[in-house]
Amino acid sequence: MSVRHTLRPRRGAGAAAMAVALALAVGGCGDGGKDNKANTGTSSQSKSSPSGKNRQAEPAGSPQSTAKLAESTGQGGIVLTINSVARDSGGFLTVSGQLKNAGSENFVDTSGWVGTEKDVLASGDSVAGATLVDKVGKKRYYVLRDTGGKCLCTMGIVGVKAGQTVPFFAQFPAPPNGTKQVDFQLPTFPTMTVPVSG
């Protein structure tokens, strides 16, 4: 009789141990989605789509950055802030930031930001006129274009309302790895020297 009573608790303990082991095994199989980068994509992938459907998607994490690498005021009192100048694994360099109208009147003359190159006129109202200058390497870099001639940059900026902040990005060929800073130029704004990360 005492033998029966001791066997029952042992069986129950064994079943409980099996249930715990099974739960741990199942929980350890997945990565919880932490390393799943299939949906995020790189900035070069989302901007270089020939269809151009994803062109306006900003590079992940860039425009929301609160870092202020440089700032200048241009025509109409528009304040240009650079938040990020980062290399990516595809050999590109993405500049992202914000254009803010701190004034009390709407700013509508964004045509100067497009630049004068005939190749970028297909981009319409955009920041396609931006350039980077590597003073050490003595080279100027222009905004990249897709196969349709449209810039890999923010497009559709037809104006900046009073008090409005508009995020922007522009993607360039990356300068050599030894280049630690570049001059960013957008027509109607003073040149800004910014550090390169990555």
N, C-alpha and C. Protein backbone atom coordinates (compact mmCIF):
# COMPACT_ATOMS: atom_id res chain seq x y z
N MET A 1 0.82 -1.20 0.00
CA MET A 1 0.00 0.00 0.00
C MET A 1 0.86 1.26 0.00
N SER A 2 1.91 1.23 0.79
CA SER A 2 2.79 2.39 0.80
C SER A 2 3.53 2.51 -0.52
N VAL A 3 3.74 1.38 -1.22
CA VAL A 3 4.42 1.42 -2.50
C VAL A 3 3.57 2.16 -3.52
N ARG A 4 2.27 1.89 -3.53
CA ARG A 4 1.38 2.56 -4.47
C ARG A 4 1.37 4.07 -4.28
N HIS A 5 1.32 4.50 -3.03
CA HIS A 5 1.26 5.94 -2.74
C HIS A 5 2.55 6.65 -3.16
N THR A 6 3.68 5.98 -3.08
CA THR A 6 4.93 6.62 -3.51
C THR A 6 5.06 6.66 -5.02
N LEU A 7 4.51 5.70 -5.72
CA LEU A 7 4.62 5.70 -7.18
C LEU A 7 3.79 6.81 -7.80
N ARG A 8 2.63 7.09 -7.25
CA ARG A 8 1.78 8.12 -7.83
C ARG A 8 2.44 9.50 -7.81
N PRO A 9 2.99 9.94 -6.69
CA PRO A 9 3.65 11.26 -6.72
C PRO A 9 4.82 11.30 -7.69
N ARG A 10 5.56 10.19 -7.82
CA ARG A 10 6.69 10.18 -8.75
C ARG A 10 6.22 10.35 -10.19
N ARG A 11 5.12 9.69 -10.55
CA ARG A 11 4.58 9.83 -11.89
C ARG A 11 4.13 11.27 -12.14
N GLY A 12 3.49 11.89 -11.18
CA GLY A 12 3.03 13.29 -11.31
C GLY A 12 4.20 14.24 -11.46
N ALA A 13 5.26 14.02 -10.71
CA ALA A 13 6.45 14.88 -10.79
C ALA A 13 7.11 14.73 -12.15
N GLY A 14 7.14 13.49 -12.66
CA GLY A 14 7.74 13.26 -13.98
C GLY A 14 6.95 13.96 -15.08
N ALA A 15 5.64 13.93 -14.99
CA ALA A 15 4.79 14.58 -15.99
C ALA A 15 4.96 16.10 -15.93
N ALA A 16 5.07 16.64 -14.73
CA ALA A 16 5.27 18.09 -14.57
C ALA A 16 6.61 18.50 -15.15
N ALA A 17 7.65 17.70 -14.91
CA ALA A 17 8.98 18.01 -15.44
C ALA A 17 8.97 17.98 -16.96
N MET A 18 8.25 17.01 -17.54
CA MET A 18 8.15 16.92 -19.00
C MET A 18 7.45 18.14 -19.57
N ALA A 19 6.39 18.60 -18.91
CA ALA A 19 5.63 19.76 -19.39
C ALA A 19 6.49 21.01 -19.37
N VAL A 20 7.30 21.19 -18.30
CA VAL A 20 8.21 22.35 -18.21
C VAL A 20 9.26 22.29 -19.31
N ALA A 21 9.84 21.11 -19.52
CA ALA A 21 10.87 20.95 -20.55
C ALA A 21 10.31 21.23 -21.94
N LEU A 22 9.10 20.75 -22.20
CA LEU A 22 8.46 20.98 -23.49
C LEU A 22 8.18 22.46 -23.71
N ALA A 23 7.72 23.15 -22.67
CA ALA A 23 7.44 24.59 -22.79
C ALA A 23 8.71 25.38 -23.08
N LEU A 24 9.80 25.01 -22.42
CA LEU A 24 11.08 25.69 -22.67
C LEU A 24 11.59 25.43 -24.09
N ALA A 25 11.41 24.21 -24.55
CA ALA A 25 11.87 23.88 -25.90
C ALA A 25 11.09 24.64 -26.96
N VAL A 26 9.77 24.73 -26.79
CA VAL A 26 8.94 25.45 -27.75
C VAL A 26 9.26 26.93 -27.71
N GLY A 27 9.44 27.49 -26.52
CA GLY A 27 9.73 28.92 -26.39
C GLY A 27 11.08 29.29 -26.98
N GLY A 28 12.04 28.38 -26.97
CA GLY A 28 13.37 28.67 -27.49
C GLY A 28 13.50 28.52 -28.98
N CYS A 29 12.47 27.96 -29.64
CA CYS A 29 12.57 27.74 -31.09
C CYS A 29 12.52 29.02 -31.90
N GLY A 30 11.70 29.98 -31.53
CA GLY A 30 11.55 31.21 -32.32
C GLY A 30 12.49 32.28 -31.84
N ASP A 31 12.73 33.29 -32.69
CA ASP A 31 13.58 34.42 -32.31
C ASP A 31 12.75 35.61 -31.88
N GLY A 32 11.42 35.42 -31.81
CA GLY A 32 10.56 36.50 -31.38
C GLY A 32 10.47 37.63 -32.38
N GLY A 33 11.00 37.41 -33.58
CA GLY A 33 10.94 38.45 -34.60
C GLY A 33 12.00 39.53 -34.44
N LYS A 34 12.90 39.37 -33.43
CA LYS A 34 13.88 40.41 -33.18
C LYS A 34 14.89 40.54 -34.31
N ASP A 35 15.24 39.41 -34.90
CA ASP A 35 16.26 39.44 -35.96
C ASP A 35 15.66 39.39 -37.35
N ASN A 36 14.35 39.46 -37.46
CA ASN A 36 13.70 39.38 -38.76
C ASN A 36 13.77 40.73 -39.44
N LYS A 37 14.70 40.87 -40.38
CA LYS A 37 14.89 42.14 -41.06
C LYS A 37 14.32 42.12 -42.47
N ALA A 38 13.56 41.08 -42.78
CA ALA A 38 13.05 40.98 -44.14
C ALA A 38 12.08 42.10 -44.47
N ASN A 39 11.34 42.59 -43.47
CA ASN A 39 10.35 43.61 -43.74
C ASN A 39 10.90 45.02 -43.67
N THR A 40 12.08 45.19 -43.03
CA THR A 40 12.59 46.54 -42.88
C THR A 40 13.28 47.02 -44.14
N GLY A 41 14.13 46.19 -44.75
CA GLY A 41 14.83 46.59 -45.97
C GLY A 41 15.83 47.68 -45.69
N THR A 42 16.79 47.88 -46.60
CA THR A 42 17.73 48.97 -46.45
C THR A 42 17.22 50.17 -47.21
N SER A 43 17.81 51.32 -46.91
CA SER A 43 17.35 52.52 -47.59
C SER A 43 17.59 52.43 -49.09
N SER A 44 18.67 51.74 -49.48
CA SER A 44 18.94 51.66 -50.91
C SER A 44 17.92 50.78 -51.61
N GLN A 45 17.42 49.72 -50.90
CA GLN A 45 16.43 48.87 -51.54
C GLN A 45 15.12 49.61 -51.73
N SER A 46 14.68 50.36 -50.71
CA SER A 46 13.39 51.00 -50.82
C SER A 46 13.40 52.17 -51.78
N LYS A 47 14.56 52.80 -52.00
CA LYS A 47 14.59 53.94 -52.90
C LYS A 47 14.91 53.56 -54.34
N SER A 48 15.54 52.36 -54.51
CA SER A 48 16.01 52.05 -55.85
C SER A 48 15.02 51.18 -56.62
N SER A 49 13.84 51.03 -56.09
CA SER A 49 12.83 50.25 -56.79
C SER A 49 12.50 50.91 -58.12
N PRO A 50 12.66 50.18 -59.24
CA PRO A 50 12.40 50.78 -60.54
C PRO A 50 10.98 51.34 -60.65
N SER A 51 10.05 50.74 -59.93
CA SER A 51 8.68 51.23 -60.03
C SER A 51 8.51 52.57 -59.35
N GLY A 52 9.40 52.86 -58.40
CA GLY A 52 9.34 54.13 -57.71
C GLY A 52 8.24 54.20 -56.66
N LYS A 53 7.53 53.11 -56.41
CA LYS A 53 6.41 53.14 -55.48
C LYS A 53 6.86 53.42 -54.06
N ASN A 54 8.05 52.95 -53.70
CA ASN A 54 8.53 53.13 -52.34
C ASN A 54 9.47 54.30 -52.19
N ARG A 55 9.60 55.12 -53.20
CA ARG A 55 10.59 56.18 -53.19
C ARG A 55 10.43 57.15 -52.03
N GLN A 56 9.18 57.45 -51.66
CA GLN A 56 8.97 58.44 -50.61
C GLN A 56 9.14 57.87 -49.22
N ALA A 57 9.31 56.54 -49.09
CA ALA A 57 9.54 55.97 -47.78
C ALA A 57 10.90 56.43 -47.28
N GLU A 58 10.94 57.00 -46.11
CA GLU A 58 12.18 57.51 -45.56
C GLU A 58 13.05 56.35 -45.10
N PRO A 59 14.38 56.52 -45.09
CA PRO A 59 15.25 55.47 -44.58
C PRO A 59 14.91 55.18 -43.13
N ALA A 60 14.94 53.90 -42.78
CA ALA A 60 14.53 53.49 -41.45
C ALA A 60 15.32 54.20 -40.37
N GLY A 61 14.64 54.87 -39.50
CA GLY A 61 15.26 55.48 -38.33
C GLY A 61 15.94 56.81 -38.59
N SER A 62 16.15 57.20 -39.82
CA SER A 62 16.95 58.39 -40.06
C SER A 62 16.26 59.71 -39.79
N PRO A 63 15.11 60.00 -40.43
CA PRO A 63 14.56 61.33 -40.25
C PRO A 63 14.05 61.60 -38.85
N GLN A 64 13.73 60.53 -38.10
CA GLN A 64 13.23 60.73 -36.76
C GLN A 64 14.36 60.97 -35.76
N SER A 65 15.59 60.88 -36.21
CA SER A 65 16.72 61.08 -35.31
C SER A 65 16.67 62.49 -34.72
N THR A 66 17.01 62.58 -33.44
CA THR A 66 16.98 63.88 -32.78
C THR A 66 18.35 64.55 -32.79
N ALA A 67 19.37 63.85 -33.29
CA ALA A 67 20.70 64.45 -33.35
C ALA A 67 20.68 65.62 -34.32
N LYS A 68 21.42 66.66 -33.99
CA LYS A 68 21.51 67.82 -34.87
C LYS A 68 22.97 67.97 -35.26
N LEU A 69 23.31 67.48 -36.47
CA LEU A 69 24.68 67.54 -36.94
C LEU A 69 25.04 68.92 -37.46
N ALA A 70 24.08 69.58 -38.10
CA ALA A 70 24.31 70.92 -38.65
C ALA A 70 22.98 71.58 -38.91
N GLU A 71 23.01 72.91 -38.96
CA GLU A 71 21.78 73.66 -39.22
C GLU A 71 22.12 74.97 -39.89
N SER A 72 21.28 75.37 -40.85
CA SER A 72 21.47 76.66 -41.51
C SER A 72 20.12 77.20 -41.95
N THR A 73 20.07 78.50 -42.17
CA THR A 73 18.84 79.16 -42.60
C THR A 73 19.01 79.65 -44.02
N GLY A 74 18.02 79.34 -44.86
CA GLY A 74 18.08 79.72 -46.26
C GLY A 74 17.01 80.71 -46.64
N GLN A 75 16.73 80.75 -47.92
CA GLN A 75 15.74 81.66 -48.49
C GLN A 75 14.39 81.50 -47.79
N GLY A 76 13.73 82.62 -47.50
CA GLY A 76 12.42 82.59 -46.88
C GLY A 76 12.44 82.21 -45.42
N GLY A 77 13.63 82.16 -44.81
CA GLY A 77 13.72 81.81 -43.40
C GLY A 77 13.56 80.32 -43.12
N ILE A 78 13.62 79.49 -44.16
CA ILE A 78 13.52 78.04 -43.96
C ILE A 78 14.79 77.55 -43.26
N VAL A 79 14.61 76.76 -42.19
CA VAL A 79 15.73 76.22 -41.44
C VAL A 79 15.97 74.78 -41.87
N LEU A 80 17.18 74.51 -42.33
CA LEU A 80 17.58 73.17 -42.77
C LEU A 80 18.41 72.53 -41.67
N THR A 81 17.96 71.41 -41.17
CA THR A 81 18.68 70.68 -40.12
C THR A 81 19.09 69.32 -40.66
N ILE A 82 20.35 68.95 -40.48
CA ILE A 82 20.84 67.63 -40.86
C ILE A 82 20.89 66.79 -39.60
N ASN A 83 20.18 65.65 -39.62
CA ASN A 83 20.13 64.75 -38.47
C ASN A 83 21.02 63.52 -38.62
N SER A 84 21.28 63.10 -39.86
CA SER A 84 22.04 61.87 -40.06
C SER A 84 22.73 61.89 -41.41
N VAL A 85 23.99 61.46 -41.43
CA VAL A 85 24.75 61.25 -42.67
C VAL A 85 25.39 59.88 -42.50
N ALA A 86 24.75 58.85 -43.05
CA ALA A 86 25.15 57.48 -42.74
C ALA A 86 25.38 56.63 -43.98
N ARG A 87 26.46 55.85 -43.93
CA ARG A 87 26.73 54.86 -44.97
C ARG A 87 25.85 53.65 -44.74
N ASP A 88 25.55 52.92 -45.83
CA ASP A 88 24.90 51.63 -45.65
C ASP A 88 25.71 50.57 -46.37
N SER A 89 25.33 49.33 -46.18
CA SER A 89 26.12 48.21 -46.71
C SER A 89 26.12 48.14 -48.23
N GLY A 90 25.20 48.84 -48.88
CA GLY A 90 25.13 48.79 -50.33
C GLY A 90 26.06 49.76 -51.04
N GLY A 91 26.87 50.50 -50.29
CA GLY A 91 27.79 51.45 -50.90
C GLY A 91 27.17 52.81 -51.13
N PHE A 92 26.11 53.11 -50.41
CA PHE A 92 25.44 54.40 -50.53
C PHE A 92 25.62 55.21 -49.25
N LEU A 93 25.36 56.49 -49.37
CA LEU A 93 25.38 57.37 -48.21
C LEU A 93 24.07 58.15 -48.21
N THR A 94 23.34 58.09 -47.11
CA THR A 94 22.04 58.74 -47.02
C THR A 94 22.11 59.90 -46.05
N VAL A 95 21.72 61.07 -46.54
CA VAL A 95 21.61 62.26 -45.71
C VAL A 95 20.14 62.46 -45.39
N SER A 96 19.82 62.63 -44.12
CA SER A 96 18.42 62.88 -43.76
C SER A 96 18.34 64.01 -42.75
N GLY A 97 17.22 64.68 -42.78
CA GLY A 97 17.04 65.81 -41.89
C GLY A 97 15.65 66.39 -42.02
N GLN A 98 15.56 67.71 -41.74
CA GLN A 98 14.27 68.37 -41.74
C GLN A 98 14.38 69.76 -42.34
N LEU A 99 13.30 70.19 -42.94
CA LEU A 99 13.15 71.56 -43.43
C LEU A 99 12.00 72.18 -42.65
N LYS A 100 12.29 73.23 -41.91
CA LYS A 100 11.28 73.83 -41.03
C LYS A 100 11.02 75.28 -41.41
N ASN A 101 9.75 75.61 -41.50
CA ASN A 101 9.35 77.00 -41.74
C ASN A 101 9.00 77.60 -40.38
N ALA A 102 9.96 78.34 -39.83
CA ALA A 102 9.75 78.94 -38.52
C ALA A 102 9.03 80.29 -38.63
N GLY A 103 8.75 80.72 -39.84
CA GLY A 103 8.10 82.01 -40.05
C GLY A 103 6.59 81.94 -39.92
N SER A 104 5.96 83.08 -40.19
CA SER A 104 4.50 83.16 -40.06
C SER A 104 3.79 83.09 -41.41
N GLU A 105 4.56 83.00 -42.50
CA GLU A 105 3.98 82.91 -43.84
C GLU A 105 4.38 81.61 -44.51
N ASN A 106 3.51 81.10 -45.36
CA ASN A 106 3.81 79.87 -46.10
C ASN A 106 4.96 80.13 -47.08
N PHE A 107 5.82 79.12 -47.23
CA PHE A 107 6.93 79.19 -48.18
C PHE A 107 6.56 78.32 -49.38
N VAL A 108 6.52 78.92 -50.56
CA VAL A 108 6.05 78.17 -51.73
C VAL A 108 7.10 78.02 -52.83
N ASP A 109 8.20 78.72 -52.74
CA ASP A 109 9.20 78.67 -53.81
C ASP A 109 10.28 77.63 -53.53
N THR A 110 9.94 76.35 -53.75
CA THR A 110 10.90 75.27 -53.53
C THR A 110 11.62 74.86 -54.82
N SER A 111 11.38 75.58 -55.90
CA SER A 111 11.94 75.19 -57.20
C SER A 111 13.46 75.18 -57.20
N GLY A 112 14.09 76.01 -56.40
CA GLY A 112 15.55 76.04 -56.35
C GLY A 112 16.16 74.78 -55.79
N TRP A 113 15.43 74.05 -54.98
CA TRP A 113 15.98 72.85 -54.35
C TRP A 113 16.16 71.70 -55.34
N VAL A 114 15.49 71.78 -56.47
CA VAL A 114 15.58 70.71 -57.48
C VAL A 114 16.93 70.73 -58.19
N GLY A 115 17.52 71.91 -58.30
CA GLY A 115 18.77 72.02 -59.05
C GLY A 115 18.51 72.33 -60.51
N THR A 116 19.58 72.42 -61.27
CA THR A 116 19.46 72.81 -62.68
C THR A 116 19.82 71.70 -63.66
N GLU A 117 20.20 70.55 -63.16
CA GLU A 117 20.54 69.45 -64.08
C GLU A 117 19.31 68.96 -64.81
N LYS A 118 19.43 68.76 -66.10
CA LYS A 118 18.30 68.29 -66.90
C LYS A 118 17.87 66.90 -66.47
N ASP A 119 18.81 66.09 -66.01
CA ASP A 119 18.49 64.72 -65.62
C ASP A 119 17.54 64.65 -64.43
N VAL A 120 17.54 65.68 -63.57
CA VAL A 120 16.71 65.60 -62.37
C VAL A 120 15.38 66.32 -62.52
N LEU A 121 15.14 66.92 -63.65
CA LEU A 121 13.89 67.65 -63.81
C LEU A 121 12.68 66.73 -63.73
N ALA A 122 12.88 65.44 -64.00
CA ALA A 122 11.78 64.47 -63.89
C ALA A 122 11.36 64.26 -62.45
N SER A 123 12.21 64.69 -61.50
CA SER A 123 11.90 64.50 -60.08
C SER A 123 10.88 65.51 -59.57
N GLY A 124 10.60 66.55 -60.35
CA GLY A 124 9.63 67.55 -59.90
C GLY A 124 10.11 68.28 -58.66
N ASP A 125 9.17 68.70 -57.82
CA ASP A 125 9.52 69.40 -56.59
C ASP A 125 10.19 68.42 -55.63
N SER A 126 11.48 68.64 -55.39
CA SER A 126 12.25 67.69 -54.59
C SER A 126 13.52 68.38 -54.08
N VAL A 127 14.38 67.59 -53.45
CA VAL A 127 15.69 68.08 -53.01
C VAL A 127 16.79 67.47 -53.89
N ALA A 128 16.47 67.25 -55.16
CA ALA A 128 17.40 66.61 -56.09
C ALA A 128 18.61 67.47 -56.40
N GLY A 129 18.58 68.75 -56.08
CA GLY A 129 19.72 69.61 -56.33
C GLY A 129 20.81 69.52 -55.28
N ALA A 130 20.59 68.70 -54.25
CA ALA A 130 21.59 68.55 -53.18
C ALA A 130 22.86 67.89 -53.71
N THR A 131 24.00 68.28 -53.17
CA THR A 131 25.28 67.66 -53.51
C THR A 131 26.11 67.48 -52.25
N LEU A 132 27.06 66.57 -52.34
CA LEU A 132 28.06 66.37 -51.29
C LEU A 132 29.42 66.66 -51.88
N VAL A 133 30.29 67.26 -51.10
CA VAL A 133 31.66 67.52 -51.55
C VAL A 133 32.63 66.90 -50.55
N ASP A 134 33.48 66.04 -51.07
CA ASP A 134 34.58 65.47 -50.28
C ASP A 134 35.81 66.33 -50.58
N LYS A 135 36.13 67.26 -49.68
CA LYS A 135 37.22 68.19 -49.94
C LYS A 135 38.57 67.50 -49.95
N VAL A 136 38.73 66.48 -49.12
CA VAL A 136 40.01 65.76 -49.09
C VAL A 136 40.21 64.99 -50.40
N GLY A 137 39.16 64.28 -50.84
CA GLY A 137 39.24 63.53 -52.09
C GLY A 137 39.01 64.37 -53.32
N LYS A 138 38.66 65.65 -53.11
CA LYS A 138 38.41 66.59 -54.21
C LYS A 138 37.39 66.04 -55.20
N LYS A 139 36.23 65.65 -54.66
CA LYS A 139 35.20 65.08 -55.51
C LYS A 139 33.82 65.54 -55.06
N ARG A 140 32.94 65.80 -56.03
CA ARG A 140 31.56 66.19 -55.76
C ARG A 140 30.65 65.02 -56.10
N TYR A 141 29.66 64.76 -55.24
CA TYR A 141 28.71 63.68 -55.43
C TYR A 141 27.30 64.26 -55.60
N TYR A 142 26.58 63.70 -56.56
CA TYR A 142 25.21 64.14 -56.85
C TYR A 142 24.22 63.10 -56.35
N VAL A 143 22.98 63.52 -56.13
CA VAL A 143 21.92 62.61 -55.70
C VAL A 143 21.74 61.51 -56.74
N LEU A 144 21.62 60.28 -56.29
CA LEU A 144 21.43 59.15 -57.19
C LEU A 144 20.07 59.21 -57.86
N ARG A 145 19.98 58.59 -59.04
CA ARG A 145 18.72 58.53 -59.79
C ARG A 145 18.33 57.09 -60.02
N ASP A 146 17.03 56.86 -60.21
CA ASP A 146 16.60 55.52 -60.59
C ASP A 146 16.63 55.40 -62.11
N THR A 147 16.18 54.27 -62.63
CA THR A 147 16.25 54.04 -64.07
C THR A 147 15.33 54.98 -64.85
N GLY A 148 14.37 55.59 -64.18
CA GLY A 148 13.48 56.54 -64.85
C GLY A 148 13.98 57.98 -64.75
N GLY A 149 15.15 58.18 -64.15
CA GLY A 149 15.72 59.51 -64.03
C GLY A 149 15.25 60.29 -62.81
N LYS A 150 14.43 59.67 -61.98
CA LYS A 150 13.96 60.37 -60.78
C LYS A 150 14.97 60.19 -59.65
N CYS A 151 15.08 61.22 -58.82
CA CYS A 151 16.08 61.19 -57.75
C CYS A 151 15.71 60.18 -56.67
N LEU A 152 16.75 59.66 -56.02
CA LEU A 152 16.55 58.85 -54.83
C LEU A 152 16.59 59.82 -53.65
N CYS A 153 15.51 60.57 -53.54
CA CYS A 153 15.41 61.61 -52.53
C CYS A 153 13.94 61.92 -52.30
N THR A 154 13.68 62.79 -51.34
CA THR A 154 12.30 63.19 -51.06
C THR A 154 11.77 64.04 -52.21
N MET A 155 10.62 63.66 -52.72
CA MET A 155 9.98 64.40 -53.80
C MET A 155 8.61 64.89 -53.33
N GLY A 156 8.01 65.77 -54.11
CA GLY A 156 6.67 66.25 -53.81
C GLY A 156 6.62 67.36 -52.79
N ILE A 157 7.75 68.05 -52.59
CA ILE A 157 7.76 69.19 -51.66
C ILE A 157 7.33 70.43 -52.44
N VAL A 158 6.05 70.70 -52.43
CA VAL A 158 5.54 71.84 -53.19
C VAL A 158 5.53 73.13 -52.37
N GLY A 159 5.82 73.02 -51.10
CA GLY A 159 5.87 74.18 -50.22
C GLY A 159 5.98 73.73 -48.79
N VAL A 160 6.27 74.70 -47.91
CA VAL A 160 6.35 74.41 -46.48
C VAL A 160 5.47 75.45 -45.78
N LYS A 161 4.41 75.00 -45.18
CA LYS A 161 3.49 75.92 -44.52
C LYS A 161 4.13 76.54 -43.28
N ALA A 162 3.61 77.66 -42.86
CA ALA A 162 4.11 78.34 -41.67
C ALA A 162 4.03 77.39 -40.47
N GLY A 163 5.16 77.24 -39.79
CA GLY A 163 5.21 76.35 -38.63
C GLY A 163 5.40 74.88 -38.95
N GLN A 164 5.39 74.52 -40.23
CA GLN A 164 5.49 73.11 -40.62
C GLN A 164 6.94 72.65 -40.69
N THR A 165 7.16 71.39 -40.34
CA THR A 165 8.46 70.74 -40.49
C THR A 165 8.31 69.59 -41.46
N VAL A 166 9.14 69.56 -42.50
CA VAL A 166 9.07 68.51 -43.52
C VAL A 166 10.35 67.68 -43.46
N PRO A 167 10.23 66.37 -43.20
CA PRO A 167 11.43 65.52 -43.22
C PRO A 167 11.89 65.29 -44.66
N PHE A 168 13.19 65.10 -44.83
CA PHE A 168 13.72 64.82 -46.17
C PHE A 168 14.89 63.86 -46.06
N PHE A 169 15.19 63.24 -47.20
CA PHE A 169 16.40 62.43 -47.34
C PHE A 169 16.92 62.59 -48.75
N ALA A 170 18.19 62.32 -48.92
CA ALA A 170 18.81 62.29 -50.25
C ALA A 170 19.91 61.24 -50.20
N GLN A 171 19.98 60.41 -51.22
CA GLN A 171 20.93 59.31 -51.24
C GLN A 171 22.00 59.55 -52.30
N PHE A 172 23.25 59.33 -51.90
CA PHE A 172 24.42 59.59 -52.75
C PHE A 172 25.30 58.35 -52.84
N PRO A 173 26.19 58.31 -53.83
CA PRO A 173 27.24 57.28 -53.79
C PRO A 173 28.11 57.57 -52.56
N ALA A 174 28.54 56.53 -51.87
CA ALA A 174 29.34 56.75 -50.67
C ALA A 174 30.77 57.13 -51.04
N PRO A 175 31.32 58.15 -50.38
CA PRO A 175 32.74 58.46 -50.59
C PRO A 175 33.61 57.37 -49.97
N PRO A 176 34.92 57.39 -50.21
CA PRO A 176 35.80 56.35 -49.65
C PRO A 176 35.67 56.24 -48.14
N ASN A 177 35.95 55.06 -47.60
CA ASN A 177 35.79 54.81 -46.17
C ASN A 177 36.62 55.76 -45.31
N GLY A 178 37.73 56.26 -45.84
CA GLY A 178 38.56 57.17 -45.08
C GLY A 178 37.97 58.56 -44.92
N THR A 179 36.92 58.87 -45.68
CA THR A 179 36.29 60.19 -45.61
C THR A 179 35.42 60.26 -44.36
N LYS A 180 35.78 61.16 -43.46
CA LYS A 180 35.07 61.28 -42.18
C LYS A 180 34.09 62.45 -42.14
N GLN A 181 34.20 63.37 -43.09
CA GLN A 181 33.23 64.46 -43.15
C GLN A 181 33.10 64.95 -44.58
N VAL A 182 31.94 65.52 -44.87
CA VAL A 182 31.64 66.04 -46.20
C VAL A 182 30.92 67.38 -46.06
N ASP A 183 30.92 68.14 -47.14
CA ASP A 183 30.14 69.38 -47.18
C ASP A 183 28.82 69.08 -47.88
N PHE A 184 27.72 69.38 -47.21
CA PHE A 184 26.39 69.19 -47.79
C PHE A 184 25.91 70.52 -48.34
N GLN A 185 25.46 70.49 -49.59
CA GLN A 185 24.98 71.71 -50.24
C GLN A 185 23.58 71.47 -50.81
N LEU A 186 22.66 72.36 -50.45
CA LEU A 186 21.33 72.37 -51.05
C LEU A 186 21.11 73.79 -51.54
N PRO A 187 20.76 73.97 -52.82
CA PRO A 187 20.59 75.32 -53.34
C PRO A 187 19.71 76.19 -52.43
N THR A 188 20.10 77.43 -52.29
CA THR A 188 19.48 78.49 -51.46
C THR A 188 19.88 78.41 -49.99
N PHE A 189 20.70 77.41 -49.61
CA PHE A 189 21.18 77.29 -48.23
C PHE A 189 22.71 77.39 -48.21
N PRO A 190 23.28 77.93 -47.11
CA PRO A 190 24.72 77.90 -46.96
C PRO A 190 25.24 76.47 -46.88
N THR A 191 26.48 76.26 -47.28
CA THR A 191 27.12 74.94 -47.20
C THR A 191 27.33 74.55 -45.74
N MET A 192 27.09 73.27 -45.44
CA MET A 192 27.28 72.78 -44.08
C MET A 192 28.25 71.59 -44.08
N THR A 193 29.22 71.62 -43.19
CA THR A 193 30.15 70.49 -43.03
C THR A 193 29.57 69.55 -42.01
N VAL A 194 29.43 68.27 -42.39
CA VAL A 194 28.79 67.28 -41.52
C VAL A 194 29.64 66.02 -41.42
N PRO A 195 29.63 65.36 -40.24
CA PRO A 195 30.39 64.11 -40.09
C PRO A 195 29.67 62.94 -40.75
N VAL A 196 30.45 61.97 -41.21
CA VAL A 196 29.90 60.77 -41.84
C VAL A 196 29.99 59.62 -40.85
N SER A 197 28.89 58.91 -40.65
CA SER A 197 28.91 57.74 -39.76
C SER A 197 28.81 56.47 -40.58
N GLY A 198 29.32 55.40 -40.01
CA GLY A 198 29.25 54.08 -40.65
C GLY A 198 30.44 53.76 -41.49
